[in-house]
mmCIF file of all heavy atoms, coordinates in Angstrom:
data_MODEL
# 
_entry.id   MODEL 
# 
loop_
_atom_site.group_PDB 
_atom_site.id 
_atom_site.type_symbol 
_atom_site.label_atom_id 
_atom_site.label_alt_id 
_atom_site.label_comp_id 
_atom_site.label_asym_id 
_atom_site.label_entity_id 
_atom_site.label_seq_id 
_atom_site.pdbx_PDB_ins_code 
_atom_site.Cartn_x 
_atom_site.Cartn_y 
_atom_site.Cartn_z 
_atom_site.occupancy 
_atom_site.B_iso_or_equiv 
_atom_site.pdbx_formal_charge 
_atom_site.auth_seq_id 
_atom_site.auth_comp_id 
_atom_site.auth_asym_id 
_atom_site.auth_atom_id 
_atom_site.pdbx_PDB_model_num 
ATOM 1   N N   . THR A 1 1  ? 67.081 -50.659 -55.941 1.00 0.00 ? 1  THR A N   1 
ATOM 2   C CA  . THR A 1 1  ? 66.854 -49.223 -56.049 1.00 0.00 ? 1  THR A CA  1 
ATOM 3   C C   . THR A 1 1  ? 67.536 -48.693 -57.295 1.00 0.00 ? 1  THR A C   1 
ATOM 4   O O   . THR A 1 1  ? 68.388 -49.353 -57.890 1.00 0.00 ? 1  THR A O   1 
ATOM 5   C CB  . THR A 1 1  ? 67.420 -48.498 -54.814 1.00 0.00 ? 1  THR A CB  1 
ATOM 6   O OG1 . THR A 1 1  ? 68.777 -48.921 -54.617 1.00 0.00 ? 1  THR A OG1 1 
ATOM 7   C CG2 . THR A 1 1  ? 66.615 -48.822 -53.552 1.00 0.00 ? 1  THR A CG2 1 
ATOM 8   N N   . TRP A 1 2  ? 67.151 -47.471 -57.672 1.00 0.00 ? 2  TRP A N   1 
ATOM 9   C CA  . TRP A 1 2  ? 67.737 -46.788 -58.832 1.00 0.00 ? 2  TRP A CA  1 
ATOM 10  C C   . TRP A 1 2  ? 68.872 -45.915 -58.322 1.00 0.00 ? 2  TRP A C   1 
ATOM 11  O O   . TRP A 1 2  ? 68.629 -44.933 -57.621 1.00 0.00 ? 2  TRP A O   1 
ATOM 12  C CB  . TRP A 1 2  ? 66.664 -45.935 -59.497 1.00 0.00 ? 2  TRP A CB  1 
ATOM 13  C CG  . TRP A 1 2  ? 67.010 -45.323 -60.809 1.00 0.00 ? 2  TRP A CG  1 
ATOM 14  C CD1 . TRP A 1 2  ? 67.768 -44.213 -61.004 1.00 0.00 ? 2  TRP A CD1 1 
ATOM 15  C CD2 . TRP A 1 2  ? 66.590 -45.759 -62.105 1.00 0.00 ? 2  TRP A CD2 1 
ATOM 16  N NE1 . TRP A 1 2  ? 67.863 -43.924 -62.354 1.00 0.00 ? 2  TRP A NE1 1 
ATOM 17  C CE2 . TRP A 1 2  ? 67.144 -44.852 -63.056 1.00 0.00 ? 2  TRP A CE2 1 
ATOM 18  C CE3 . TRP A 1 2  ? 65.806 -46.822 -62.570 1.00 0.00 ? 2  TRP A CE3 1 
ATOM 19  C CZ2 . TRP A 1 2  ? 66.921 -44.985 -64.424 1.00 0.00 ? 2  TRP A CZ2 1 
ATOM 20  C CZ3 . TRP A 1 2  ? 65.588 -46.954 -63.936 1.00 0.00 ? 2  TRP A CZ3 1 
ATOM 21  C CH2 . TRP A 1 2  ? 66.141 -46.049 -64.838 1.00 0.00 ? 2  TRP A CH2 1 
ATOM 22  N N   . PRO A 1 3  ? 70.135 -46.225 -58.615 1.00 0.00 ? 3  PRO A N   1 
ATOM 23  C CA  . PRO A 1 3  ? 71.236 -45.398 -58.116 1.00 0.00 ? 3  PRO A CA  1 
ATOM 24  C C   . PRO A 1 3  ? 71.049 -43.926 -58.473 1.00 0.00 ? 3  PRO A C   1 
ATOM 25  O O   . PRO A 1 3  ? 70.803 -43.581 -59.623 1.00 0.00 ? 3  PRO A O   1 
ATOM 26  C CB  . PRO A 1 3  ? 72.464 -45.993 -58.815 1.00 0.00 ? 3  PRO A CB  1 
ATOM 27  C CG  . PRO A 1 3  ? 72.090 -47.425 -59.052 1.00 0.00 ? 3  PRO A CG  1 
ATOM 28  C CD  . PRO A 1 3  ? 70.630 -47.377 -59.395 1.00 0.00 ? 3  PRO A CD  1 
ATOM 29  N N   . GLY A 1 4  ? 71.145 -43.071 -57.457 1.00 0.00 ? 4  GLY A N   1 
ATOM 30  C CA  . GLY A 1 4  ? 70.867 -41.663 -57.639 1.00 0.00 ? 4  GLY A CA  1 
ATOM 31  C C   . GLY A 1 4  ? 69.411 -41.308 -57.474 1.00 0.00 ? 4  GLY A C   1 
ATOM 32  O O   . GLY A 1 4  ? 69.047 -40.135 -57.457 1.00 0.00 ? 4  GLY A O   1 
ATOM 33  N N   . GLY A 1 5  ? 68.551 -42.319 -57.330 1.00 0.00 ? 5  GLY A N   1 
ATOM 34  C CA  . GLY A 1 5  ? 67.121 -42.110 -57.152 1.00 0.00 ? 5  GLY A CA  1 
ATOM 35  C C   . GLY A 1 5  ? 66.728 -42.116 -55.692 1.00 0.00 ? 5  GLY A C   1 
ATOM 36  O O   . GLY A 1 5  ? 67.572 -42.154 -54.795 1.00 0.00 ? 5  GLY A O   1 
ATOM 37  N N   . PRO A 1 6  ? 65.434 -42.103 -55.396 1.00 0.00 ? 6  PRO A N   1 
ATOM 38  C CA  . PRO A 1 6  ? 64.955 -41.960 -54.023 1.00 0.00 ? 6  PRO A CA  1 
ATOM 39  C C   . PRO A 1 6  ? 65.055 -43.248 -53.204 1.00 0.00 ? 6  PRO A C   1 
ATOM 40  O O   . PRO A 1 6  ? 65.037 -44.348 -53.749 1.00 0.00 ? 6  PRO A O   1 
ATOM 41  C CB  . PRO A 1 6  ? 63.489 -41.563 -54.204 1.00 0.00 ? 6  PRO A CB  1 
ATOM 42  C CG  . PRO A 1 6  ? 63.106 -42.237 -55.488 1.00 0.00 ? 6  PRO A CG  1 
ATOM 43  C CD  . PRO A 1 6  ? 64.323 -42.144 -56.375 1.00 0.00 ? 6  PRO A CD  1 
ATOM 44  N N   . GLN A 1 7  ? 65.160 -43.079 -51.900 1.00 0.00 ? 7  GLN A N   1 
ATOM 45  C CA  . GLN A 1 7  ? 64.993 -44.197 -50.971 1.00 0.00 ? 7  GLN A CA  1 
ATOM 46  C C   . GLN A 1 7  ? 63.479 -44.343 -50.789 1.00 0.00 ? 7  GLN A C   1 
ATOM 47  O O   . GLN A 1 7  ? 62.882 -43.859 -49.844 1.00 0.00 ? 7  GLN A O   1 
ATOM 48  C CB  . GLN A 1 7  ? 65.689 -43.902 -49.641 1.00 0.00 ? 7  GLN A CB  1 
ATOM 49  C CG  . GLN A 1 7  ? 65.648 -45.043 -48.641 1.00 0.00 ? 7  GLN A CG  1 
ATOM 50  C CD  . GLN A 1 7  ? 66.481 -46.241 -49.065 1.00 0.00 ? 7  GLN A CD  1 
ATOM 51  O OE1 . GLN A 1 7  ? 67.648 -46.103 -49.407 1.00 0.00 ? 7  GLN A OE1 1 
ATOM 52  N NE2 . GLN A 1 7  ? 65.885 -47.418 -49.066 1.00 0.00 ? 7  GLN A NE2 1 
ATOM 53  N N   . TYR A 1 8  ? 62.843 -45.026 -51.748 1.00 0.00 ? 8  TYR A N   1 
ATOM 54  C CA  . TYR A 1 8  ? 61.392 -44.971 -51.858 1.00 0.00 ? 8  TYR A CA  1 
ATOM 55  C C   . TYR A 1 8  ? 60.661 -45.816 -50.826 1.00 0.00 ? 8  TYR A C   1 
ATOM 56  O O   . TYR A 1 8  ? 59.471 -45.630 -50.588 1.00 0.00 ? 8  TYR A O   1 
ATOM 57  C CB  . TYR A 1 8  ? 60.945 -45.358 -53.276 1.00 0.00 ? 8  TYR A CB  1 
ATOM 58  C CG  . TYR A 1 8  ? 61.314 -46.764 -53.713 1.00 0.00 ? 8  TYR A CG  1 
ATOM 59  C CD1 . TYR A 1 8  ? 60.422 -47.808 -53.588 1.00 0.00 ? 8  TYR A CD1 1 
ATOM 60  C CD2 . TYR A 1 8  ? 62.566 -47.023 -54.268 1.00 0.00 ? 8  TYR A CD2 1 
ATOM 61  C CE1 . TYR A 1 8  ? 60.746 -49.084 -54.002 1.00 0.00 ? 8  TYR A CE1 1 
ATOM 62  C CE2 . TYR A 1 8  ? 62.910 -48.289 -54.680 1.00 0.00 ? 8  TYR A CE2 1 
ATOM 63  C CZ  . TYR A 1 8  ? 61.992 -49.324 -54.547 1.00 0.00 ? 8  TYR A CZ  1 
ATOM 64  O OH  . TYR A 1 8  ? 62.328 -50.587 -54.957 1.00 0.00 ? 8  TYR A OH  1 
ATOM 65  N N   . LEU A 1 9  ? 61.361 -46.767 -50.224 1.00 0.00 ? 9  LEU A N   1 
ATOM 66  C CA  . LEU A 1 9  ? 60.822 -47.565 -49.117 1.00 0.00 ? 9  LEU A CA  1 
ATOM 67  C C   . LEU A 1 9  ? 61.951 -47.814 -48.125 1.00 0.00 ? 9  LEU A C   1 
ATOM 68  O O   . LEU A 1 9  ? 63.127 -47.656 -48.461 1.00 0.00 ? 9  LEU A O   1 
ATOM 69  C CB  . LEU A 1 9  ? 60.258 -48.902 -49.620 1.00 0.00 ? 9  LEU A CB  1 
ATOM 70  C CG  . LEU A 1 9  ? 58.859 -48.868 -50.256 1.00 0.00 ? 9  LEU A CG  1 
ATOM 71  C CD1 . LEU A 1 9  ? 58.500 -50.220 -50.826 1.00 0.00 ? 9  LEU A CD1 1 
ATOM 72  C CD2 . LEU A 1 9  ? 57.799 -48.409 -49.263 1.00 0.00 ? 9  LEU A CD2 1 
ATOM 73  N N   . PRO A 1 10 ? 61.612 -48.212 -46.896 1.00 0.00 ? 10 PRO A N   1 
ATOM 74  C CA  . PRO A 1 10 ? 62.658 -48.435 -45.896 1.00 0.00 ? 10 PRO A CA  1 
ATOM 75  C C   . PRO A 1 10 ? 63.711 -49.451 -46.364 1.00 0.00 ? 10 PRO A C   1 
ATOM 76  O O   . PRO A 1 10 ? 63.424 -50.353 -47.159 1.00 0.00 ? 10 PRO A O   1 
ATOM 77  C CB  . PRO A 1 10 ? 61.884 -48.960 -44.692 1.00 0.00 ? 10 PRO A CB  1 
ATOM 78  C CG  . PRO A 1 10 ? 60.517 -48.390 -44.849 1.00 0.00 ? 10 PRO A CG  1 
ATOM 79  C CD  . PRO A 1 10 ? 60.259 -48.379 -46.334 1.00 0.00 ? 10 PRO A CD  1 
ATOM 80  N N   . ARG A 1 11 ? 64.919 -49.285 -45.839 1.00 0.00 ? 11 ARG A N   1 
ATOM 81  C CA  . ARG A 1 11 ? 66.028 -50.135 -46.272 1.00 0.00 ? 11 ARG A CA  1 
ATOM 82  C C   . ARG A 1 11 ? 65.792 -51.606 -45.989 1.00 0.00 ? 11 ARG A C   1 
ATOM 83  O O   . ARG A 1 11 ? 66.265 -52.463 -46.738 1.00 0.00 ? 11 ARG A O   1 
ATOM 84  C CB  . ARG A 1 11 ? 67.314 -49.667 -45.586 1.00 0.00 ? 11 ARG A CB  1 
ATOM 85  C CG  . ARG A 1 11 ? 67.785 -48.296 -46.044 1.00 0.00 ? 11 ARG A CG  1 
ATOM 86  C CD  . ARG A 1 11 ? 68.899 -47.776 -45.157 1.00 0.00 ? 11 ARG A CD  1 
ATOM 87  N NE  . ARG A 1 11 ? 69.254 -46.399 -45.498 1.00 0.00 ? 11 ARG A NE  1 
ATOM 88  C CZ  . ARG A 1 11 ? 69.942 -45.598 -44.706 1.00 0.00 ? 11 ARG A CZ  1 
ATOM 89  N NH1 . ARG A 1 11 ? 70.352 -46.049 -43.511 1.00 0.00 ? 11 ARG A NH1 1 
ATOM 90  N NH2 . ARG A 1 11 ? 70.223 -44.369 -45.070 1.00 0.00 ? 11 ARG A NH2 1 
ATOM 91  N N   . PHE A 1 12 ? 65.057 -51.915 -44.914 1.00 0.00 ? 12 PHE A N   1 
ATOM 92  C CA  . PHE A 1 12 ? 64.881 -53.337 -44.613 1.00 0.00 ? 12 PHE A CA  1 
ATOM 93  C C   . PHE A 1 12 ? 63.973 -54.024 -45.641 1.00 0.00 ? 12 PHE A C   1 
ATOM 94  O O   . PHE A 1 12 ? 63.923 -55.259 -45.698 1.00 0.00 ? 12 PHE A O   1 
ATOM 95  C CB  . PHE A 1 12 ? 64.336 -53.531 -43.185 1.00 0.00 ? 12 PHE A CB  1 
ATOM 96  C CG  . PHE A 1 12 ? 62.862 -53.290 -43.020 1.00 0.00 ? 12 PHE A CG  1 
ATOM 97  C CD1 . PHE A 1 12 ? 61.950 -54.323 -43.124 1.00 0.00 ? 12 PHE A CD1 1 
ATOM 98  C CD2 . PHE A 1 12 ? 62.380 -52.018 -42.735 1.00 0.00 ? 12 PHE A CD2 1 
ATOM 99  C CE1 . PHE A 1 12 ? 60.593 -54.097 -42.962 1.00 0.00 ? 12 PHE A CE1 1 
ATOM 100 C CE2 . PHE A 1 12 ? 61.036 -51.784 -42.562 1.00 0.00 ? 12 PHE A CE2 1 
ATOM 101 C CZ  . PHE A 1 12 ? 60.134 -52.824 -42.681 1.00 0.00 ? 12 PHE A CZ  1 
ATOM 102 N N   . ILE A 1 13 ? 63.309 -53.244 -46.484 1.00 0.00 ? 13 ILE A N   1 
ATOM 103 C CA  . ILE A 1 13 ? 62.455 -53.819 -47.522 1.00 0.00 ? 13 ILE A CA  1 
ATOM 104 C C   . ILE A 1 13 ? 63.193 -53.875 -48.863 1.00 0.00 ? 13 ILE A C   1 
ATOM 105 O O   . ILE A 1 13 ? 63.211 -54.918 -49.523 1.00 0.00 ? 13 ILE A O   1 
ATOM 106 C CB  . ILE A 1 13 ? 61.153 -53.011 -47.678 1.00 0.00 ? 13 ILE A CB  1 
ATOM 107 C CG1 . ILE A 1 13 ? 60.362 -53.019 -46.375 1.00 0.00 ? 13 ILE A CG1 1 
ATOM 108 C CG2 . ILE A 1 13 ? 60.303 -53.575 -48.821 1.00 0.00 ? 13 ILE A CG2 1 
ATOM 109 C CD1 . ILE A 1 13 ? 59.159 -52.106 -46.397 1.00 0.00 ? 13 ILE A CD1 1 
ATOM 110 N N   . VAL A 1 14 ? 63.808 -52.756 -49.272 1.00 0.00 ? 14 VAL A N   1 
ATOM 111 C CA  . VAL A 1 14 ? 64.404 -52.685 -50.607 1.00 0.00 ? 14 VAL A CA  1 
ATOM 112 C C   . VAL A 1 14 ? 65.917 -52.492 -50.596 1.00 0.00 ? 14 VAL A C   1 
ATOM 113 O O   . VAL A 1 14 ? 66.545 -52.490 -51.654 1.00 0.00 ? 14 VAL A O   1 
ATOM 114 C CB  . VAL A 1 14 ? 63.752 -51.557 -51.444 1.00 0.00 ? 14 VAL A CB  1 
ATOM 115 C CG1 . VAL A 1 14 ? 62.281 -51.840 -51.675 1.00 0.00 ? 14 VAL A CG1 1 
ATOM 116 C CG2 . VAL A 1 14 ? 63.965 -50.190 -50.800 1.00 0.00 ? 14 VAL A CG2 1 
ATOM 117 N N   . GLY A 1 15 ? 66.526 -52.335 -49.425 1.00 0.00 ? 15 GLY A N   1 
ATOM 118 C CA  . GLY A 1 15 ? 67.949 -52.058 -49.375 1.00 0.00 ? 15 GLY A CA  1 
ATOM 119 C C   . GLY A 1 15 ? 68.236 -50.581 -49.593 1.00 0.00 ? 15 GLY A C   1 
ATOM 120 O O   . GLY A 1 15 ? 67.333 -49.744 -49.648 1.00 0.00 ? 15 GLY A O   1 
ATOM 121 N N   . ARG A 1 16 ? 69.512 -50.262 -49.732 1.00 0.00 ? 16 ARG A N   1 
ATOM 122 C CA  . ARG A 1 16 ? 69.934 -48.862 -49.828 1.00 0.00 ? 16 ARG A CA  1 
ATOM 123 C C   . ARG A 1 16 ? 69.858 -48.332 -51.259 1.00 0.00 ? 16 ARG A C   1 
ATOM 124 O O   . ARG A 1 16 ? 70.188 -49.034 -52.210 1.00 0.00 ? 16 ARG A O   1 
ATOM 125 C CB  . ARG A 1 16 ? 71.387 -48.714 -49.343 1.00 0.00 ? 16 ARG A CB  1 
ATOM 126 C CG  . ARG A 1 16 ? 71.579 -48.886 -47.850 1.00 0.00 ? 16 ARG A CG  1 
ATOM 127 C CD  . ARG A 1 16 ? 73.040 -48.642 -47.482 1.00 0.00 ? 16 ARG A CD  1 
ATOM 128 N NE  . ARG A 1 16 ? 73.266 -48.825 -46.061 1.00 0.00 ? 16 ARG A NE  1 
ATOM 129 C CZ  . ARG A 1 16 ? 73.095 -47.877 -45.147 1.00 0.00 ? 16 ARG A CZ  1 
ATOM 130 N NH1 . ARG A 1 16 ? 72.705 -46.666 -45.518 1.00 0.00 ? 16 ARG A NH1 1 
ATOM 131 N NH2 . ARG A 1 16 ? 73.326 -48.136 -43.875 1.00 0.00 ? 16 ARG A NH2 1 
ATOM 132 N N   . ALA A 1 17 ? 69.475 -47.057 -51.359 1.00 0.00 ? 17 ALA A N   1 
ATOM 133 C CA  . ALA A 1 17 ? 69.590 -46.323 -52.615 1.00 0.00 ? 17 ALA A CA  1 
ATOM 134 C C   . ALA A 1 17 ? 70.953 -45.625 -52.625 1.00 0.00 ? 17 ALA A C   1 
ATOM 135 O O   . ALA A 1 17 ? 71.218 -44.752 -51.803 1.00 0.00 ? 17 ALA A O   1 
ATOM 136 C CB  . ALA A 1 17 ? 68.470 -45.308 -52.747 1.00 0.00 ? 17 ALA A CB  1 
ATOM 137 N N   . SER A 1 18 ? 71.801 -46.015 -53.533 1.00 0.00 ? 18 SER A N   1 
ATOM 138 C CA  . SER A 1 18 ? 73.160 -45.468 -53.579 1.00 0.00 ? 18 SER A CA  1 
ATOM 139 C C   . SER A 1 18 ? 73.169 -44.048 -54.122 1.00 0.00 ? 18 SER A C   1 
ATOM 140 O O   . SER A 1 18 ? 72.407 -43.699 -55.027 1.00 0.00 ? 18 SER A O   1 
ATOM 141 C CB  . SER A 1 18 ? 74.047 -46.350 -54.452 1.00 0.00 ? 18 SER A CB  1 
ATOM 142 O OG  . SER A 1 18 ? 75.350 -45.801 -54.563 1.00 0.00 ? 18 SER A OG  1 
ATOM 143 N N   . ARG A 1 19 ? 74.075 -43.238 -53.566 1.00 0.00 ? 19 ARG A N   1 
ATOM 144 C CA  . ARG A 1 19 ? 74.322 -41.885 -54.070 1.00 0.00 ? 19 ARG A CA  1 
ATOM 145 C C   . ARG A 1 19 ? 75.680 -41.785 -54.755 1.00 0.00 ? 19 ARG A C   1 
ATOM 146 O O   . ARG A 1 19 ? 76.120 -40.700 -55.092 1.00 0.00 ? 19 ARG A O   1 
ATOM 147 C CB  . ARG A 1 19 ? 74.266 -40.883 -52.897 1.00 0.00 ? 19 ARG A CB  1 
ATOM 148 C CG  . ARG A 1 19 ? 72.930 -40.845 -52.181 1.00 0.00 ? 19 ARG A CG  1 
ATOM 149 C CD  . ARG A 1 19 ? 71.868 -40.152 -53.030 1.00 0.00 ? 19 ARG A CD  1 
ATOM 150 N NE  . ARG A 1 19 ? 70.568 -40.158 -52.388 1.00 0.00 ? 19 ARG A NE  1 
ATOM 151 C CZ  . ARG A 1 19 ? 69.626 -41.062 -52.604 1.00 0.00 ? 19 ARG A CZ  1 
ATOM 152 N NH1 . ARG A 1 19 ? 69.863 -42.055 -53.445 1.00 0.00 ? 19 ARG A NH1 1 
ATOM 153 N NH2 . ARG A 1 19 ? 68.451 -40.995 -52.010 1.00 0.00 ? 19 ARG A NH2 1 
ATOM 154 N N   . GLN A 1 20 ? 76.325 -42.918 -54.976 1.00 0.00 ? 20 GLN A N   1 
ATOM 155 C CA  . GLN A 1 20 ? 77.676 -42.904 -55.533 1.00 0.00 ? 20 GLN A CA  1 
ATOM 156 C C   . GLN A 1 20 ? 77.717 -42.831 -57.056 1.00 0.00 ? 20 GLN A C   1 
ATOM 157 O O   . GLN A 1 20 ? 78.766 -42.564 -57.640 1.00 0.00 ? 20 GLN A O   1 
ATOM 158 C CB  . GLN A 1 20 ? 78.453 -44.135 -55.049 1.00 0.00 ? 20 GLN A CB  1 
ATOM 159 C CG  . GLN A 1 20 ? 78.505 -44.296 -53.548 1.00 0.00 ? 20 GLN A CG  1 
ATOM 160 C CD  . GLN A 1 20 ? 79.173 -43.122 -52.832 1.00 0.00 ? 20 GLN A CD  1 
ATOM 161 O OE1 . GLN A 1 20 ? 79.705 -42.206 -53.443 1.00 0.00 ? 20 GLN A OE1 1 
ATOM 162 N NE2 . GLN A 1 20 ? 79.132 -43.141 -51.498 1.00 0.00 ? 20 GLN A NE2 1 
ATOM 163 N N   . VAL A 1 21 ? 76.593 -43.083 -57.704 1.00 0.00 ? 21 VAL A N   1 
ATOM 164 C CA  . VAL A 1 21 ? 76.510 -42.958 -59.159 1.00 0.00 ? 21 VAL A CA  1 
ATOM 165 C C   . VAL A 1 21 ? 75.078 -42.579 -59.494 1.00 0.00 ? 21 VAL A C   1 
ATOM 166 O O   . VAL A 1 21 ? 74.144 -42.977 -58.797 1.00 0.00 ? 21 VAL A O   1 
ATOM 167 C CB  . VAL A 1 21 ? 76.925 -44.276 -59.863 1.00 0.00 ? 21 VAL A CB  1 
ATOM 168 C CG1 . VAL A 1 21 ? 76.003 -45.415 -59.499 1.00 0.00 ? 21 VAL A CG1 1 
ATOM 169 C CG2 . VAL A 1 21 ? 76.982 -44.094 -61.373 1.00 0.00 ? 21 VAL A CG2 1 
ATOM 170 N N   . ASP A 1 22 ? 74.922 -41.767 -60.503 1.00 0.00 ? 22 ASP A N   1 
ATOM 171 C CA  . ASP A 1 22 ? 73.596 -41.394 -60.990 1.00 0.00 ? 22 ASP A CA  1 
ATOM 172 C C   . ASP A 1 22 ? 73.295 -42.263 -62.207 1.00 0.00 ? 22 ASP A C   1 
ATOM 173 O O   . ASP A 1 22 ? 73.870 -42.062 -63.289 1.00 0.00 ? 22 ASP A O   1 
ATOM 174 C CB  . ASP A 1 22 ? 73.563 -39.911 -61.345 1.00 0.00 ? 22 ASP A CB  1 
ATOM 175 C CG  . ASP A 1 22 ? 72.166 -39.434 -61.725 1.00 0.00 ? 22 ASP A CG  1 
ATOM 176 O OD1 . ASP A 1 22 ? 71.508 -40.099 -62.547 1.00 0.00 ? 22 ASP A OD1 1 
ATOM 177 O OD2 . ASP A 1 22 ? 71.734 -38.388 -61.200 1.00 0.00 ? 22 ASP A OD2 1 
ATOM 178 N N   . ALA A 1 23 ? 72.403 -43.233 -62.047 1.00 0.00 ? 23 ALA A N   1 
ATOM 179 C CA  . ALA A 1 23 ? 72.136 -44.180 -63.123 1.00 0.00 ? 23 ALA A CA  1 
ATOM 180 C C   . ALA A 1 23 ? 71.583 -43.487 -64.360 1.00 0.00 ? 23 ALA A C   1 
ATOM 181 O O   . ALA A 1 23 ? 71.934 -43.851 -65.491 1.00 0.00 ? 23 ALA A O   1 
ATOM 182 C CB  . ALA A 1 23 ? 71.175 -45.261 -62.644 1.00 0.00 ? 23 ALA A CB  1 
ATOM 183 N N   . SER A 1 24 ? 70.727 -42.500 -64.182 1.00 0.00 ? 24 SER A N   1 
ATOM 184 C CA  . SER A 1 24 ? 70.112 -41.842 -65.336 1.00 0.00 ? 24 SER A CA  1 
ATOM 185 C C   . SER A 1 24 ? 71.169 -41.141 -66.184 1.00 0.00 ? 24 SER A C   1 
ATOM 186 O O   . SER A 1 24 ? 71.193 -41.273 -67.416 1.00 0.00 ? 24 SER A O   1 
ATOM 187 C CB  . SER A 1 24 ? 69.044 -40.848 -64.874 1.00 0.00 ? 24 SER A CB  1 
ATOM 188 O OG  . SER A 1 24 ? 67.991 -41.524 -64.214 1.00 0.00 ? 24 SER A OG  1 
# 
């Protein structure tokens, strides 16, 4: 996932989208 980006698919498919850093 893109840190700071959307949880675009369920976690069991792509894992967690972190909110601890904004990659952009």
